[in-house]
Amino acid sequence: MASYGPVERAVRNELRRLRFSVVDDGSAATVVALARAIDTSRGAVAAAQAANVLRQMLIDLRTRADERPVEADPVDELIERRRRRRMGGS
């Protein structure tokens, strides 16, 4: 497993929670790259600039995640079908 710094680890966890993939979404890949840059930065100014951009991009990703339609959970659908069948519904 790759060794991630603390900022990159936190960003990857948030992306997982928001259901964004670094493979499929350019913004997700960019925030991971910014997080890695912060973790490895030797200069405070560069890290602060990257952190500011990272913060704004995460806000944008959270907004996009909130606007996505909720995907149906196949397990919940199965439970609901069983419940209806037991009640005599179709």
C-alpha atoms as a PDB file:
ATOM      1  CA  MET A   1       0.000   0.000   0.000  1.00  0.00           C
ATOM      2  CA  ALA A   2       1.208   3.486  -0.790  1.00  0.00           C
ATOM      3  CA  SER A   3       2.474   5.725   1.975  1.00  0.00           C
ATOM      4  CA  TYR A   4       0.294   8.819   2.195  1.00  0.00           C
ATOM      5  CA  GLY A   5       0.948  11.934   4.218  1.00  0.00           C
ATOM      6  CA  PRO A   6      -1.706  13.158   6.661  1.00  0.00           C
ATOM      7  CA  VAL A   7      -3.313  15.674   4.305  1.00  0.00           C
ATOM      8  CA  GLU A   8      -3.439  13.260   1.377  1.00  0.00           C
ATOM      9  CA  ARG A   9      -4.879  10.520   3.603  1.00  0.00           C
ATOM     10  CA  ALA A  10      -7.618  12.869   4.843  1.00  0.00           C
ATOM     11  CA  VAL A  11      -8.443  14.021   1.313  1.00  0.00           C
ATOM     12  CA  ARG A  12      -8.616  10.458  -0.017  1.00  0.00           C
ATOM     13  CA  ASN A  13     -10.936   9.492   2.853  1.00  0.00           C
ATOM     14  CA  GLU A  14     -13.208  12.425   2.101  1.00  0.00           C
ATOM     15  CA  LEU A  15     -13.279  11.596  -1.612  1.00  0.00           C
ATOM     16  CA  ARG A  16     -14.257   8.023  -0.733  1.00  0.00           C
ATOM     17  CA  ARG A  17     -17.033   9.300   1.519  1.00  0.00           C
ATOM     18  CA  LEU A  18     -18.270  11.627  -1.245  1.00  0.00           C
ATOM     19  CA  ARG A  19     -18.006   8.773  -3.793  1.00  0.00           C
ATOM     20  CA  PHE A  20     -15.530  10.496  -6.125  1.00  0.00           C
ATOM     21  CA  SER A  21     -12.843   8.511  -7.909  1.00  0.00           C
ATOM     22  CA  VAL A  22      -9.443   9.924  -8.806  1.00  0.00           C
ATOM     23  CA  VAL A  23      -9.572   7.728 -11.903  1.00  0.00           C
ATOM     24  CA  ASP A  24     -12.881   9.111 -13.193  1.00  0.00           C
ATOM     25  CA  ASP A  25     -12.880  12.708 -11.963  1.00  0.00           C
ATOM     26  CA  GLY A  26     -10.213  15.286 -12.750  1.00  0.00           C
ATOM     27  CA  SER A  27     -11.083  17.484  -9.800  1.00  0.00           C
ATOM     28  CA  ALA A  28     -10.701  14.532  -7.437  1.00  0.00           C
ATOM     29  CA  ALA A  29      -7.301  13.741  -8.919  1.00  0.00           C
ATOM     30  CA  THR A  30      -6.283  17.384  -8.604  1.00  0.00           C
ATOM     31  CA  VAL A  31      -7.184  17.650  -4.918  1.00  0.00           C
ATOM     32  CA  VAL A  32      -5.132  14.511  -4.217  1.00  0.00           C
ATOM     33  CA  ALA A  33      -2.173  16.051  -6.064  1.00  0.00           C
ATOM     34  CA  LEU A  34      -2.582  19.275  -4.082  1.00  0.00           C
ATOM     35  CA  ALA A  35      -2.753  17.330  -0.817  1.00  0.00           C
ATOM     36  CA  ARG A  36       0.422  15.463  -1.742  1.00  0.00           C
ATOM     37  CA  ALA A  37       2.105  18.790  -2.544  1.00  0.00           C
ATOM     38  CA  ILE A  38       1.116  20.130   0.882  1.00  0.00           C
ATOM     39  CA  ASP A  39       2.451  17.014   2.605  1.00  0.00           C
ATOM     40  CA  THR A  40       5.807  17.261   0.821  1.00  0.00           C
ATOM     41  CA  SER A  41       6.150  21.048   0.698  1.00  0.00           C
ATOM     42  CA  ARG A  42       9.174  22.625   2.314  1.00  0.00           C
ATOM     43  CA  GLY A  43       7.933  26.193   1.967  1.00  0.00           C
ATOM     44  CA  ALA A  44       5.145  27.706   4.019  1.00  0.00           C
ATOM     45  CA  VAL A  45       3.994  30.018   1.231  1.00  0.00           C
ATOM     46  CA  ALA A  46       3.661  27.213  -1.325  1.00  0.00           C
ATOM     47  CA  ALA A  47       1.836  25.013   1.185  1.00  0.00           C
ATOM     48  CA  ALA A  48      -0.534  27.856   2.104  1.00  0.00           C
ATOM     49  CA  GLN A  49      -1.335  28.552  -1.542  1.00  0.00           C
ATOM     50  CA  ALA A  50      -1.970  24.881  -2.246  1.00  0.00           C
ATOM     51  CA  ALA A  51      -4.123  24.620   0.898  1.00  0.00           C
ATOM     52  CA  ASN A  52      -6.258  27.555  -0.226  1.00  0.00           C
ATOM     53  CA  VAL A  53      -6.877  26.008  -3.648  1.00  0.00           C
ATOM     54  CA  LEU A  54      -7.471  22.603  -2.047  1.00  0.00           C
ATOM     55  CA  ARG A  55     -10.042  24.076   0.354  1.00  0.00           C
ATOM     56  CA  GLN A  56     -11.990  25.710  -2.471  1.00  0.00           C
ATOM     57  CA  MET A  57     -11.903  22.593  -4.645  1.00  0.00           C
ATOM     58  CA  LEU A  58     -13.166  20.440  -1.757  1.00  0.00           C
ATOM     59  CA  ILE A  59     -16.050  22.867  -1.261  1.00  0.00           C
ATOM     60  CA  ASP A  60     -16.883  22.487  -4.959  1.00  0.00           C
ATOM     61  CA  LEU A  61     -16.713  18.680  -4.753  1.00  0.00           C
ATOM     62  CA  ARG A  62     -18.967  18.632  -1.676  1.00  0.00           C
ATOM     63  CA  THR A  63     -21.474  20.801  -3.526  1.00  0.00           C
ATOM     64  CA  ARG A  64     -21.387  18.487  -6.545  1.00  0.00           C
ATOM     65  CA  ALA A  65     -21.840  15.468  -4.288  1.00  0.00           C
ATOM     66  CA  ASP A  66     -24.899  17.061  -2.664  1.00  0.00           C
ATOM     67  CA  GLU A  67     -26.428  17.782  -6.071  1.00  0.00           C
ATOM     68  CA  ARG A  68     -26.048  14.225  -7.393  1.00  0.00           C
ATOM     69  CA  PRO A  69     -29.156  12.065  -7.317  1.00  0.00           C
ATOM     70  CA  VAL A  70     -29.145   9.459  -4.577  1.00  0.00           C
ATOM     71  CA  GLU A  71     -28.385   6.060  -6.015  1.00  0.00           C
ATOM     72  CA  ALA A  72     -30.690   3.239  -5.067  1.00  0.00           C
ATOM     73  CA  ASP A  73     -29.166   0.661  -2.767  1.00  0.00           C
ATOM     74  CA  PRO A  74     -29.763  -2.847  -4.168  1.00  0.00           C
ATOM     75  CA  VAL A  75     -29.973  -4.307  -0.662  1.00  0.00           C
ATOM     76  CA  ASP A  76     -32.652  -1.802   0.349  1.00  0.00           C
ATOM     77  CA  GLU A  77     -34.583  -2.592  -2.826  1.00  0.00           C
ATOM     78  CA  LEU A  78     -34.435  -6.325  -2.053  1.00  0.00           C
ATOM     79  CA  ILE A  79     -35.676  -5.761   1.507  1.00  0.00           C
ATOM     80  CA  GLU A  80     -38.543  -3.621   0.221  1.00  0.00           C
ATOM     81  CA  ARG A  81     -39.543  -6.246  -2.376  1.00  0.00           C
ATOM     82  CA  ARG A  82     -39.566  -8.953   0.286  1.00  0.00           C
ATOM     83  CA  ARG A  83     -41.627  -6.763   2.612  1.00  0.00           C
ATOM     84  CA  ARG A  84     -44.224  -6.117  -0.133  1.00  0.00           C
ATOM     85  CA  ARG A  85     -44.351  -9.788  -1.067  1.00  0.00           C
ATOM     86  CA  ARG A  86     -44.989 -10.792   2.568  1.00  0.00           C
ATOM     87  CA  MET A  87     -47.799  -8.246   2.773  1.00  0.00           C
ATOM     88  CA  GLY A  88     -49.394  -9.697  -0.345  1.00  0.00           C
ATOM     89  CA  GLY A  89     -48.381  -6.883  -2.662  1.00  0.00           C
ATOM     90  CA  SER A  90     -46.630  -7.237  -5.990  1.00  0.00           C
END
